[in-house]
Amino acid sequence: MKIDKVLDTKGLACPMPIVKTKKAISGLESGQVLEIHTTDKGAKNDLLAWAKSCGHELLKFEDENDVLKFWIKKG
């Protein structure tokens, strides 16, 4: 998978991971992939719902050593 941008929001609490994700993905072209790293456990539901509501595609999700990783393709 080709990653076009990596966003590190580790240590930030809700709603900052979503706020920063929105800003980061707005700078990408349709079809590009944003990789997000966060330690906010609430971000899992938030990012899934946000991606779906905005027409983006969650390609992959991993929970690795308390770091949640998301790969979202811009719609």
PDB file of N, CA and C in Angstrom:
ATOM      1  N   MET A   1       0.850  -1.182   0.000  1.00  0.00           N
ATOM      2  CA  MET A   1       0.000   0.000   0.000  1.00  0.00           C
ATOM      3  C   MET A   1       0.891   1.240   0.000  1.00  0.00           C
ATOM      4  N   LYS A   2       0.607   2.162  -0.884  1.00  0.00           N
ATOM      5  CA  LYS A   2       1.364   3.411  -0.960  1.00  0.00           C
ATOM      6  C   LYS A   2       0.750   4.417   0.005  1.00  0.00           C
ATOM      7  N   ILE A   3       1.573   4.915   0.919  1.00  0.00           N
ATOM      8  CA  ILE A   3       1.131   5.915   1.888  1.00  0.00           C
ATOM      9  C   ILE A   3       1.567   7.288   1.380  1.00  0.00           C
ATOM     10  N   ASP A   4       0.612   8.202   1.283  1.00  0.00           N
ATOM     11  CA  ASP A   4       0.923   9.534   0.769  1.00  0.00           C
ATOM     12  C   ASP A   4       1.271  10.524   1.878  1.00  0.00           C
ATOM     13  N   LYS A   5       0.743  10.276   3.086  1.00  0.00           N
ATOM     14  CA  LYS A   5       1.033  11.165   4.211  1.00  0.00           C
ATOM     15  C   LYS A   5       0.829  10.391   5.506  1.00  0.00           C
ATOM     16  N   VAL A   6       1.691  10.674   6.507  1.00  0.00           N
ATOM     17  CA  VAL A   6       1.553  10.070   7.834  1.00  0.00           C
ATOM     18  C   VAL A   6       1.254  11.192   8.824  1.00  0.00           C
ATOM     19  N   LEU A   7       0.234  10.965   9.652  1.00  0.00           N
ATOM     20  CA  LEU A   7      -0.191  11.942  10.655  1.00  0.00           C
ATOM     21  C   LEU A   7      -0.015  11.333  12.034  1.00  0.00           C
ATOM     22  N   ASP A   8       0.782  11.977  12.878  1.00  0.00           N
ATOM     23  CA  ASP A   8       1.030  11.499  14.237  1.00  0.00           C
ATOM     24  C   ASP A   8       0.221  12.342  15.213  1.00  0.00           C
ATOM     25  N   THR A   9      -0.822  11.738  15.815  1.00  0.00           N
ATOM     26  CA  THR A   9      -1.627  12.450  16.814  1.00  0.00           C
ATOM     27  C   THR A   9      -1.501  11.765  18.179  1.00  0.00           C
ATOM     28  N   LYS A  10      -0.418  11.021  18.379  1.00  0.00           N
ATOM     29  CA  LYS A  10      -0.219  10.340  19.662  1.00  0.00           C
ATOM     30  C   LYS A  10      -0.149  11.368  20.789  1.00  0.00           C
ATOM     31  N   GLY A  11      -0.833  11.054  21.895  1.00  0.00           N
ATOM     32  CA  GLY A  11      -0.830  11.935  23.055  1.00  0.00           C
ATOM     33  C   GLY A  11      -1.915  12.993  23.039  1.00  0.00           C
ATOM     34  N   LEU A  12      -2.616  13.121  21.920  1.00  0.00           N
ATOM     35  CA  LEU A  12      -3.691  14.115  21.831  1.00  0.00           C
ATOM     36  C   LEU A  12      -5.028  13.476  22.198  1.00  0.00           C
ATOM     37  N   ALA A  13      -5.862  14.230  22.911  1.00  0.00           N
ATOM     38  CA  ALA A  13      -7.177  13.736  23.310  1.00  0.00           C
ATOM     39  C   ALA A  13      -8.243  14.245  22.342  1.00  0.00           C
ATOM     40  N   CYS A  14      -9.360  13.565  22.346  1.00  0.00           N
ATOM     41  CA  CYS A  14     -10.511  13.929  21.533  1.00  0.00           C
ATOM     42  C   CYS A  14     -10.859  15.394  21.810  1.00  0.00           C
ATOM     43  N   PRO A  15     -11.156  16.180  20.823  1.00  0.00           N
ATOM     44  CA  PRO A  15     -11.392  15.857  19.416  1.00  0.00           C
ATOM     45  C   PRO A  15     -10.186  16.090  18.509  1.00  0.00           C
ATOM     46  N   MET A  16      -9.006  16.335  19.074  1.00  0.00           N
ATOM     47  CA  MET A  16      -7.859  16.735  18.247  1.00  0.00           C
ATOM     48  C   MET A  16      -7.450  15.717  17.173  1.00  0.00           C
ATOM     49  N   PRO A  17      -7.472  14.397  17.430  1.00  0.00           N
ATOM     50  CA  PRO A  17      -7.119  13.482  16.332  1.00  0.00           C
ATOM     51  C   PRO A  17      -8.027  13.654  15.105  1.00  0.00           C
ATOM     52  N   ILE A  18      -9.323  13.857  15.336  1.00  0.00           N
ATOM     53  CA  ILE A  18     -10.258  14.058  14.215  1.00  0.00           C
ATOM     54  C   ILE A  18      -9.988  15.406  13.535  1.00  0.00           C
ATOM     55  N   VAL A  19      -9.791  16.442  14.332  1.00  0.00           N
ATOM     56  CA  VAL A  19      -9.533  17.778  13.779  1.00  0.00           C
ATOM     57  C   VAL A  19      -8.292  17.756  12.886  1.00  0.00           C
ATOM     58  N   LYS A  20      -7.225  17.148  13.380  1.00  0.00           N
ATOM     59  CA  LYS A  20      -5.983  17.082  12.606  1.00  0.00           C
ATOM     60  C   LYS A  20      -6.124  16.168  11.385  1.00  0.00           C
ATOM     61  N   THR A  21      -6.913  15.096  11.513  1.00  0.00           N
ATOM     62  CA  THR A  21      -7.147  14.193  10.373  1.00  0.00           C
ATOM     63  C   THR A  21      -7.896  14.930   9.267  1.00  0.00           C
ATOM     64  N   LYS A  22      -8.928  15.684   9.633  1.00  0.00           N
ATOM     65  CA  LYS A  22      -9.690  16.454   8.642  1.00  0.00           C
ATOM     66  C   LYS A  22      -8.779  17.406   7.885  1.00  0.00           C
ATOM     67  N   LYS A  23      -7.903  18.101   8.630  1.00  0.00           N
ATOM     68  CA  LYS A  23      -7.001  19.068   8.002  1.00  0.00           C
ATOM     69  C   LYS A  23      -6.008  18.352   7.083  1.00  0.00           C
ATOM     70  N   ALA A  24      -5.456  17.243   7.557  1.00  0.00           N
ATOM     71  CA  ALA A  24      -4.450  16.512   6.764  1.00  0.00           C
ATOM     72  C   ALA A  24      -5.050  15.936   5.486  1.00  0.00           C
ATOM     73  N   ILE A  25      -6.258  15.367   5.588  1.00  0.00           N
ATOM     74  CA  ILE A  25      -6.846  14.720   4.412  1.00  0.00           C
ATOM     75  C   ILE A  25      -7.311  15.757   3.391  1.00  0.00           C
ATOM     76  N   SER A  26      -7.612  16.957   3.860  1.00  0.00           N
ATOM     77  CA  SER A  26      -8.042  18.002   2.917  1.00  0.00           C
ATOM     78  C   SER A  26      -6.910  18.398   1.978  1.00  0.00           C
ATOM     79  N   GLY A  27      -5.663  18.150   2.388  1.00  0.00           N
ATOM     80  CA  GLY A  27      -4.522  18.473   1.544  1.00  0.00           C
ATOM     81  C   GLY A  27      -4.143  17.369   0.572  1.00  0.00           C
ATOM     82  N   LEU A  28      -4.877  16.264   0.598  1.00  0.00           N
ATOM     83  CA  LEU A  28      -4.592  15.141  -0.297  1.00  0.00           C
ATOM     84  C   LEU A  28      -5.528  15.150  -1.501  1.00  0.00           C
ATOM     85  N   GLU A  29      -5.100  14.474  -2.544  1.00  0.00           N
ATOM     86  CA  GLU A  29      -5.936  14.284  -3.729  1.00  0.00           C
ATOM     87  C   GLU A  29      -6.822  13.068  -3.511  1.00  0.00           C
ATOM     88  N   SER A  30      -7.948  13.010  -4.218  1.00  0.00           N
ATOM     89  CA  SER A  30      -8.825  11.848  -4.149  1.00  0.00           C
ATOM     90  C   SER A  30      -8.045  10.589  -4.519  1.00  0.00           C
ATOM     91  N   GLY A  31      -8.194   9.540  -3.707  1.00  0.00           N
ATOM     92  CA  GLY A  31      -7.497   8.284  -3.958  1.00  0.00           C
ATOM     93  C   GLY A  31      -6.183   8.145  -3.197  1.00  0.00           C
ATOM     94  N   GLN A  32      -5.680   9.249  -2.644  1.00  0.00           N
ATOM     95  CA  GLN A  32      -4.446   9.162  -1.858  1.00  0.00           C
ATOM     96  C   GLN A  32      -4.751   8.606  -0.461  1.00  0.00           C
ATOM     97  N   VAL A  33      -3.697   8.079   0.199  1.00  0.00           N
ATOM     98  CA  VAL A  33      -3.877   7.398   1.479  1.00  0.00           C
ATOM     99  C   VAL A  33      -3.190   8.154   2.608  1.00  0.00           C
ATOM    100  N   LEU A  34      -3.942   8.362   3.695  1.00  0.00           N
ATOM    101  CA  LEU A  34      -3.439   8.993   4.908  1.00  0.00           C
ATOM    102  C   LEU A  34      -3.305   7.921   5.982  1.00  0.00           C
ATOM    103  N   GLU A  35      -2.127   7.837   6.592  1.00  0.00           N
ATOM    104  CA  GLU A  35      -1.890   6.927   7.716  1.00  0.00           C
ATOM    105  C   GLU A  35      -1.912   7.761   8.987  1.00  0.00           C
ATOM    106  N   ILE A  36      -2.756   7.344   9.953  1.00  0.00           N
ATOM    107  CA  ILE A  36      -2.920   8.093  11.195  1.00  0.00           C
ATOM    108  C   ILE A  36      -2.487   7.228  12.370  1.00  0.00           C
ATOM    109  N   HIS A  37      -1.696   7.807  13.287  1.00  0.00           N
ATOM    110  CA  HIS A  37      -1.293   7.133  14.519  1.00  0.00           C
ATOM    111  C   HIS A  37      -1.880   7.919  15.686  1.00  0.00           C
ATOM    112  N   THR A  38      -2.573   7.244  16.611  1.00  0.00           N
ATOM    113  CA  THR A  38      -3.146   7.920  17.776  1.00  0.00           C
ATOM    114  C   THR A  38      -3.138   7.001  18.989  1.00  0.00           C
ATOM    115  N   THR A  39      -3.146   7.606  20.166  1.00  0.00           N
ATOM    116  CA  THR A  39      -3.260   6.837  21.406  1.00  0.00           C
ATOM    117  C   THR A  39      -4.624   7.060  22.048  1.00  0.00           C
ATOM    118  N   ASP A  40      -5.474   7.862  21.420  1.00  0.00           N
ATOM    119  CA  ASP A  40      -6.816   8.141  21.927  1.00  0.00           C
ATOM    120  C   ASP A  40      -7.744   6.990  21.551  1.00  0.00           C
ATOM    121  N   LYS A  41      -8.146   6.210  22.562  1.00  0.00           N
ATOM    122  CA  LYS A  41      -8.975   5.018  22.312  1.00  0.00           C
ATOM    123  C   LYS A  41     -10.328   5.370  21.678  1.00  0.00           C
ATOM    124  N   GLY A  42     -10.836   6.557  21.981  1.00  0.00           N
ATOM    125  CA  GLY A  42     -12.097   6.986  21.396  1.00  0.00           C
ATOM    126  C   GLY A  42     -12.010   7.272  19.909  1.00  0.00           C
ATOM    127  N   ALA A  43     -10.797   7.418  19.419  1.00  0.00           N
ATOM    128  CA  ALA A  43     -10.605   7.749  18.006  1.00  0.00           C
ATOM    129  C   ALA A  43     -11.056   6.617  17.089  1.00  0.00           C
ATOM    130  N   LYS A  44     -11.065   5.391  17.597  1.00  0.00           N
ATOM    131  CA  LYS A  44     -11.468   4.264  16.733  1.00  0.00           C
ATOM    132  C   LYS A  44     -12.879   4.487  16.209  1.00  0.00           C
ATOM    133  N   ASN A  45     -13.836   4.686  17.099  1.00  0.00           N
ATOM    134  CA  ASN A  45     -15.218   4.910  16.660  1.00  0.00           C
ATOM    135  C   ASN A  45     -15.356   6.236  15.919  1.00  0.00           C
ATOM    136  N   ASP A  46     -14.662   7.267  16.408  1.00  0.00           N
ATOM    137  CA  ASP A  46     -14.758   8.590  15.793  1.00  0.00           C
ATOM    138  C   ASP A  46     -14.255   8.584  14.354  1.00  0.00           C
ATOM    139  N   LEU A  47     -13.079   7.999  14.138  1.00  0.00           N
ATOM    140  CA  LEU A  47     -12.498   7.994  12.793  1.00  0.00           C
ATOM    141  C   LEU A  47     -13.292   7.118  11.833  1.00  0.00           C
ATOM    142  N   LEU A  48     -13.790   5.990  12.330  1.00  0.00           N
ATOM    143  CA  LEU A  48     -14.598   5.118  11.462  1.00  0.00           C
ATOM    144  C   LEU A  48     -15.862   5.837  11.010  1.00  0.00           C
ATOM    145  N   ALA A  49     -16.552   6.465  11.957  1.00  0.00           N
ATOM    146  CA  ALA A  49     -17.793   7.180  11.623  1.00  0.00           C
ATOM    147  C   ALA A  49     -17.515   8.380  10.724  1.00  0.00           C
ATOM    148  N   TRP A  50     -16.461   9.109  11.018  1.00  0.00           N
ATOM    149  CA  TRP A  50     -16.127  10.284  10.219  1.00  0.00           C
ATOM    150  C   TRP A  50     -15.778   9.893   8.784  1.00  0.00           C
ATOM    151  N   ALA A  51     -14.940   8.864   8.623  1.00  0.00           N
ATOM    152  CA  ALA A  51     -14.532   8.437   7.277  1.00  0.00           C
ATOM    153  C   ALA A  51     -15.748   8.040   6.454  1.00  0.00           C
ATOM    154  N   LYS A  52     -16.633   7.270   7.070  1.00  0.00           N
ATOM    155  CA  LYS A  52     -17.830   6.811   6.355  1.00  0.00           C
ATOM    156  C   LYS A  52     -18.727   7.990   5.974  1.00  0.00           C
ATOM    157  N   SER A  53     -18.937   8.914   6.911  1.00  0.00           N
ATOM    158  CA  SER A  53     -19.840  10.042   6.643  1.00  0.00           C
ATOM    159  C   SER A  53     -19.287  11.003   5.603  1.00  0.00           C
ATOM    160  N   CYS A  54     -17.953  11.031   5.452  1.00  0.00           N
ATOM    161  CA  CYS A  54     -17.333  11.952   4.486  1.00  0.00           C
ATOM    162  C   CYS A  54     -17.007  11.287   3.155  1.00  0.00           C
ATOM    163  N   GLY A  55     -17.323  10.001   3.021  1.00  0.00           N
ATOM    164  CA  GLY A  55     -17.090   9.318   1.754  1.00  0.00           C
ATOM    165  C   GLY A  55     -15.676   8.814   1.557  1.00  0.00           C
ATOM    166  N   HIS A  56     -14.924   8.697   2.660  1.00  0.00           N
ATOM    167  CA  HIS A  56     -13.567   8.151   2.594  1.00  0.00           C
ATOM    168  C   HIS A  56     -13.633   6.661   2.913  1.00  0.00           C
ATOM    169  N   GLU A  57     -12.562   5.937   2.577  1.00  0.00           N
ATOM    170  CA  GLU A  57     -12.552   4.483   2.782  1.00  0.00           C
ATOM    171  C   GLU A  57     -11.478   4.096   3.793  1.00  0.00           C
ATOM    172  N   LEU A  58     -11.904   3.413   4.864  1.00  0.00           N
ATOM    173  CA  LEU A  58     -10.937   2.872   5.822  1.00  0.00           C
ATOM    174  C   LEU A  58     -10.364   1.609   5.201  1.00  0.00           C
ATOM    175  N   LEU A  59      -9.077   1.648   4.873  1.00  0.00           N
ATOM    176  CA  LEU A  59      -8.434   0.503   4.231  1.00  0.00           C
ATOM    177  C   LEU A  59      -7.974  -0.529   5.241  1.00  0.00           C
ATOM    178  N   LYS A  60      -7.513  -0.041   6.409  1.00  0.00           N
ATOM    179  CA  LYS A  60      -6.919  -0.945   7.384  1.00  0.00           C
ATOM    180  C   LYS A  60      -6.908  -0.280   8.751  1.00  0.00           C
ATOM    181  N   PHE A  61      -6.975  -1.102   9.805  1.00  0.00           N
ATOM    182  CA  PHE A  61      -6.881  -0.627  11.181  1.00  0.00           C
ATOM    183  C   PHE A  61      -6.038  -1.613  11.969  1.00  0.00           C
ATOM    184  N   GLU A  62      -5.133  -1.109  12.797  1.00  0.00           N
ATOM    185  CA  GLU A  62      -4.317  -1.965  13.667  1.00  0.00           C
ATOM    186  C   GLU A  62      -4.205  -1.333  15.041  1.00  0.00           C
ATOM    187  N   ASP A  63      -4.142  -2.172  16.065  1.00  0.00           N
ATOM    188  CA  ASP A  63      -3.860  -1.732  17.429  1.00  0.00           C
ATOM    189  C   ASP A  63      -2.517  -2.354  17.787  1.00  0.00           C
ATOM    190  N   GLU A  64      -1.475  -1.545  17.793  1.00  0.00           N
ATOM    191  CA  GLU A  64      -0.114  -2.040  17.982  1.00  0.00           C
ATOM    192  C   GLU A  64       0.526  -1.352  19.188  1.00  0.00           C
ATOM    193  N   ASN A  65       0.707  -2.102  20.279  1.00  0.00           N
ATOM    194  CA  ASN A  65       1.335  -1.550  21.495  1.00  0.00           C
ATOM    195  C   ASN A  65       0.657  -0.263  21.966  1.00  0.00           C
ATOM    196  N   ASP A  66      -0.681  -0.291  22.053  1.00  0.00           N
ATOM    197  CA  ASP A  66      -1.491   0.849  22.502  1.00  0.00           C
ATOM    198  C   ASP A  66      -1.469   2.046  21.558  1.00  0.00           C
ATOM    199  N   VAL A  67      -0.958   1.852  20.342  1.00  0.00           N
ATOM    200  CA  VAL A  67      -1.047   2.891  19.311  1.00  0.00           C
ATOM    201  C   VAL A  67      -2.026   2.386  18.256  1.00  0.00           C
ATOM    202  N   LEU A  68      -3.088   3.156  18.047  1.00  0.00           N
ATOM    203  CA  LEU A  68      -4.067   2.812  17.020  1.00  0.00           C
ATOM    204  C   LEU A  68      -3.573   3.392  15.694  1.00  0.00           C
ATOM    205  N   LYS A  69      -3.589   2.549  14.666  1.00  0.00           N
ATOM    206  CA  LYS A  69      -3.139   2.982  13.340  1.00  0.00           C
ATOM    207  C   LYS A  69      -4.275   2.791  12.345  1.00  0.00           C
ATOM    208  N   PHE A  70      -4.518   3.818  11.567  1.00  0.00           N
ATOM    209  CA  PHE A  70      -5.578   3.808  10.559  1.00  0.00           C
ATOM    210  C   PHE A  70      -4.979   4.173   9.213  1.00  0.00           C
ATOM    211  N   TRP A  71      -5.492   3.549   8.173  1.00  0.00           N
ATOM    212  CA  TRP A  71      -5.142   3.904   6.809  1.00  0.00           C
ATOM    213  C   TRP A  71      -6.446   4.265   6.114  1.00  0.00           C
ATOM    214  N   ILE A  72      -6.579   5.530   5.733  1.00  0.00           N
ATOM    215  CA  ILE A  72      -7.818   6.031   5.126  1.00  0.00           C
ATOM    216  C   ILE A  72      -7.510   6.560   3.731  1.00  0.00           C
ATOM    217  N   LYS A  73      -8.283   6.070   2.756  1.00  0.00           N
ATOM    218  CA  LYS A  73      -8.157   6.555   1.371  1.00  0.00           C
ATOM    219  C   LYS A  73      -9.164   7.661   1.167  1.00  0.00           C
ATOM    220  N   LYS A  74      -8.677   8.792   0.677  1.00  0.00           N
ATOM    221  CA  LYS A  74      -9.560   9.945   0.450  1.00  0.00           C
ATOM    222  C   LYS A  74     -10.544   9.637  -0.671  1.00  0.00           C
ATOM    223  N   GLY A  75     -11.812   9.945  -0.415  1.00  0.00           N
ATOM    224  CA  GLY A  75     -12.883   9.704  -1.376  1.00  0.00           C
ATOM    225  C   GLY A  75     -12.946  10.778  -2.440  1.00  0.00           C
TER     226      GLY A  75
END
